[in-house]
Amino acid sequence: MAGERPLRKVFRYRDQTSASLEAHTDHWRGFEWDAGPVCVIHKSAAWGVPQVWASSVDEGKRVIRHAGAIAGINPDTEGEWVITGTLDPRYGKSGRMLVKGLQDGAVSVTKREGPSGLPQVATPDP
């Protein structure tokens, strides 16, 4: 049994361009990917260590490259890729992932100022 609640994934990175919250929100709105047993990690770059569970190596790299496009990182020329995975049924659940929709058309993309700042969510224009 996989549980009764929808699968939830959190994806984090540090923005290197100071793009606005609205720019990040627009960039991720409508983005989808296929989760699965392959863990694709990008490390040794200024944006932290983003990782994603994906259906394949290519799908995981696609997600991380998408983040890099708004964060100012080219993961193919900066840092390094790490590929791992699992056969443990508790991790690497398969499913179609999309950015969570919130009330009033907002999406669950947040940004915060510095390590101590509270996450901010962009609210759509009325």
C-alpha atoms as a PDB file:
ATOM      1  CA  MET A   1       0.000   0.000   0.000  1.00  0.00           C
ATOM      2  CA  ALA A   2       1.366   3.399  -0.974  1.00  0.00           C
ATOM      3  CA  GLY A   3      -0.645   5.431   1.536  1.00  0.00           C
ATOM      4  CA  GLU A   4      -3.730   7.564   1.181  1.00  0.00           C
ATOM      5  CA  ARG A   5      -2.150  10.974   0.678  1.00  0.00           C
ATOM      6  CA  PRO A   6      -0.771  12.226  -2.639  1.00  0.00           C
ATOM      7  CA  LEU A   7       2.952  11.918  -3.190  1.00  0.00           C
ATOM      8  CA  ARG A   8       4.776  15.145  -2.321  1.00  0.00           C
ATOM      9  CA  LYS A   9       8.254  16.101  -3.503  1.00  0.00           C
ATOM     10  CA  VAL A  10      10.248  19.158  -2.421  1.00  0.00           C
ATOM     11  CA  PHE A  11      12.921  20.565  -4.716  1.00  0.00           C
ATOM     12  CA  ARG A  12      15.335  23.239  -3.487  1.00  0.00           C
ATOM     13  CA  TYR A  13      18.134  25.333  -4.953  1.00  0.00           C
ATOM     14  CA  ARG A  14      19.771  28.709  -4.318  1.00  0.00           C
ATOM     15  CA  ASP A  15      19.067  31.337  -6.967  1.00  0.00           C
ATOM     16  CA  GLN A  16      22.281  32.886  -8.311  1.00  0.00           C
ATOM     17  CA  THR A  17      20.577  35.593 -10.414  1.00  0.00           C
ATOM     18  CA  SER A  18      18.358  37.356  -7.875  1.00  0.00           C
ATOM     19  CA  ALA A  19      15.383  36.694 -10.134  1.00  0.00           C
ATOM     20  CA  SER A  20      12.106  37.800  -8.601  1.00  0.00           C
ATOM     21  CA  LEU A  21       9.697  35.436  -6.902  1.00  0.00           C
ATOM     22  CA  GLU A  22       7.267  36.136  -9.743  1.00  0.00           C
ATOM     23  CA  ALA A  23       9.902  35.080 -12.310  1.00  0.00           C
ATOM     24  CA  HIS A  24      10.497  31.803 -10.451  1.00  0.00           C
ATOM     25  CA  THR A  25       6.762  31.207 -10.157  1.00  0.00           C
ATOM     26  CA  ASP A  26       6.196  31.817 -13.881  1.00  0.00           C
ATOM     27  CA  HIS A  27       9.164  29.592 -14.730  1.00  0.00           C
ATOM     28  CA  TRP A  28       7.778  26.617 -12.765  1.00  0.00           C
ATOM     29  CA  ARG A  29       4.063  27.111 -13.522  1.00  0.00           C
ATOM     30  CA  GLY A  30       2.836  24.134 -15.558  1.00  0.00           C
ATOM     31  CA  PHE A  31       6.132  22.222 -15.311  1.00  0.00           C
ATOM     32  CA  GLU A  32       5.712  18.461 -14.899  1.00  0.00           C
ATOM     33  CA  TRP A  33       8.040  15.490 -14.619  1.00  0.00           C
ATOM     34  CA  ASP A  34       7.933  11.760 -14.034  1.00  0.00           C
ATOM     35  CA  ALA A  35       9.159  10.630 -10.620  1.00  0.00           C
ATOM     36  CA  GLY A  36      10.687   7.222 -10.095  1.00  0.00           C
ATOM     37  CA  PRO A  37      13.545   5.172  -8.623  1.00  0.00           C
ATOM     38  CA  VAL A  38      16.485   7.148 -10.091  1.00  0.00           C
ATOM     39  CA  CYS A  39      17.973   9.869  -7.893  1.00  0.00           C
ATOM     40  CA  VAL A  40      19.734  12.568  -9.907  1.00  0.00           C
ATOM     41  CA  ILE A  41      21.861  14.969  -7.853  1.00  0.00           C
ATOM     42  CA  HIS A  42      23.878  18.012  -8.869  1.00  0.00           C
ATOM     43  CA  LYS A  43      26.710  19.037  -6.548  1.00  0.00           C
ATOM     44  CA  SER A  44      29.804  21.240  -6.307  1.00  0.00           C
ATOM     45  CA  ALA A  45      28.123  24.370  -7.667  1.00  0.00           C
ATOM     46  CA  ALA A  46      27.049  27.611  -5.975  1.00  0.00           C
ATOM     47  CA  TRP A  47      23.338  26.743  -5.862  1.00  0.00           C
ATOM     48  CA  GLY A  48      23.565  23.986  -3.270  1.00  0.00           C
ATOM     49  CA  VAL A  49      22.866  20.322  -3.944  1.00  0.00           C
ATOM     50  CA  PRO A  50      19.541  19.981  -5.752  1.00  0.00           C
ATOM     51  CA  GLN A  51      18.300  16.439  -6.201  1.00  0.00           C
ATOM     52  CA  VAL A  52      15.278  14.852  -7.782  1.00  0.00           C
ATOM     53  CA  TRP A  53      13.785  11.361  -7.854  1.00  0.00           C
ATOM     54  CA  ALA A  54      12.905  10.654 -11.459  1.00  0.00           C
ATOM     55  CA  SER A  55      11.853   7.885 -13.800  1.00  0.00           C
ATOM     56  CA  SER A  56      15.209   8.014 -15.618  1.00  0.00           C
ATOM     57  CA  VAL A  57      18.569   9.768 -15.606  1.00  0.00           C
ATOM     58  CA  ASP A  58      17.484  11.937 -18.542  1.00  0.00           C
ATOM     59  CA  GLU A  59      14.247  12.937 -16.818  1.00  0.00           C
ATOM     60  CA  GLY A  60      16.100  13.884 -13.627  1.00  0.00           C
ATOM     61  CA  LYS A  61      18.626  15.947 -15.551  1.00  0.00           C
ATOM     62  CA  ARG A  62      15.766  17.679 -17.384  1.00  0.00           C
ATOM     63  CA  VAL A  63      14.287  18.808 -14.057  1.00  0.00           C
ATOM     64  CA  ILE A  64      17.618  20.059 -12.742  1.00  0.00           C
ATOM     65  CA  ARG A  65      18.442  21.830 -16.015  1.00  0.00           C
ATOM     66  CA  HIS A  66      15.034  23.528 -15.834  1.00  0.00           C
ATOM     67  CA  ALA A  67      15.916  24.838 -12.377  1.00  0.00           C
ATOM     68  CA  GLY A  68      19.336  25.922 -13.593  1.00  0.00           C
ATOM     69  CA  ALA A  69      17.773  28.031 -16.336  1.00  0.00           C
ATOM     70  CA  ILE A  70      16.108  30.330 -13.767  1.00  0.00           C
ATOM     71  CA  ALA A  71      18.805  30.024 -11.101  1.00  0.00           C
ATOM     72  CA  GLY A  72      21.706  31.041 -13.342  1.00  0.00           C
ATOM     73  CA  ILE A  73      23.516  27.684 -13.287  1.00  0.00           C
ATOM     74  CA  ASN A  74      24.392  25.482 -16.238  1.00  0.00           C
ATOM     75  CA  PRO A  75      24.622  22.071 -14.571  1.00  0.00           C
ATOM     76  CA  ASP A  76      26.386  20.618 -17.612  1.00  0.00           C
ATOM     77  CA  THR A  77      29.349  23.013 -17.280  1.00  0.00           C
ATOM     78  CA  GLU A  78      29.313  23.851 -13.546  1.00  0.00           C
ATOM     79  CA  GLY A  79      29.521  21.282 -10.757  1.00  0.00           C
ATOM     80  CA  GLU A  80      28.983  17.590 -11.312  1.00  0.00           C
ATOM     81  CA  TRP A  81      26.211  15.064 -11.748  1.00  0.00           C
ATOM     82  CA  VAL A  82      25.720  12.178  -9.330  1.00  0.00           C
ATOM     83  CA  ILE A  83      23.367   9.359 -10.265  1.00  0.00           C
ATOM     84  CA  THR A  84      22.071   6.892  -7.724  1.00  0.00           C
ATOM     85  CA  GLY A  85      18.836   5.082  -7.047  1.00  0.00           C
ATOM     86  CA  THR A  86      17.094   2.492  -4.973  1.00  0.00           C
ATOM     87  CA  LEU A  87      15.231  -0.751  -5.120  1.00  0.00           C
ATOM     88  CA  ASP A  88      13.613  -0.004  -1.737  1.00  0.00           C
ATOM     89  CA  PRO A  89       9.862   0.379  -2.308  1.00  0.00           C
ATOM     90  CA  ARG A  90       9.692   3.153   0.289  1.00  0.00           C
ATOM     91  CA  TYR A  91      11.760   5.493  -1.904  1.00  0.00           C
ATOM     92  CA  GLY A  92      11.580   6.370  -5.553  1.00  0.00           C
ATOM     93  CA  LYS A  93       7.827   6.160  -5.948  1.00  0.00           C
ATOM     94  CA  SER A  94       6.647   6.585  -9.516  1.00  0.00           C
ATOM     95  CA  GLY A  95       4.124   9.180 -10.551  1.00  0.00           C
ATOM     96  CA  ARG A  96       3.553  12.351 -12.534  1.00  0.00           C
ATOM     97  CA  MET A  97       4.769  15.371 -10.548  1.00  0.00           C
ATOM     98  CA  LEU A  98       3.558  18.916 -11.024  1.00  0.00           C
ATOM     99  CA  VAL A  99       3.873  22.126  -9.083  1.00  0.00           C
ATOM    100  CA  LYS A 100       1.153  22.251  -6.465  1.00  0.00           C
ATOM    101  CA  GLY A 101      -1.656  24.677  -7.151  1.00  0.00           C
ATOM    102  CA  LEU A 102      -2.836  26.943  -4.339  1.00  0.00           C
ATOM    103  CA  GLN A 103      -5.913  29.064  -3.850  1.00  0.00           C
ATOM    104  CA  ASP A 104      -6.625  31.940  -6.229  1.00  0.00           C
ATOM    105  CA  GLY A 105      -4.416  30.525  -8.979  1.00  0.00           C
ATOM    106  CA  ALA A 106      -1.141  30.772  -7.050  1.00  0.00           C
ATOM    107  CA  VAL A 107       1.351  27.913  -7.193  1.00  0.00           C
ATOM    108  CA  SER A 108       3.538  26.506  -4.447  1.00  0.00           C
ATOM    109  CA  VAL A 109       6.820  28.113  -5.506  1.00  0.00           C
ATOM    110  CA  THR A 110       8.517  30.023  -2.724  1.00  0.00           C
ATOM    111  CA  LYS A 111      11.542  32.233  -2.341  1.00  0.00           C
ATOM    112  CA  ARG A 112      13.158  33.663   0.742  1.00  0.00           C
ATOM    113  CA  GLU A 113      15.698  36.371   1.398  1.00  0.00           C
ATOM    114  CA  GLY A 114      18.711  34.767   3.017  1.00  0.00           C
ATOM    115  CA  PRO A 115      18.934  31.688   5.211  1.00  0.00           C
ATOM    116  CA  SER A 116      16.737  33.143   7.962  1.00  0.00           C
ATOM    117  CA  GLY A 117      14.003  34.679   5.823  1.00  0.00           C
ATOM    118  CA  LEU A 118      10.492  33.286   5.774  1.00  0.00           C
ATOM    119  CA  PRO A 119       9.319  31.736   2.486  1.00  0.00           C
ATOM    120  CA  GLN A 120       7.228  34.067   0.323  1.00  0.00           C
ATOM    121  CA  VAL A 121       4.589  32.900  -2.182  1.00  0.00           C
ATOM    122  CA  ALA A 122       3.650  35.052  -5.178  1.00  0.00           C
ATOM    123  CA  THR A 123      -0.043  35.866  -5.316  1.00  0.00           C
ATOM    124  CA  PRO A 124      -1.625  36.309  -8.734  1.00  0.00           C
ATOM    125  CA  ASP A 125      -3.118  39.610  -9.777  1.00  0.00           C
ATOM    126  CA  PRO A 126      -6.878  39.775  -9.161  1.00  0.00           C
END
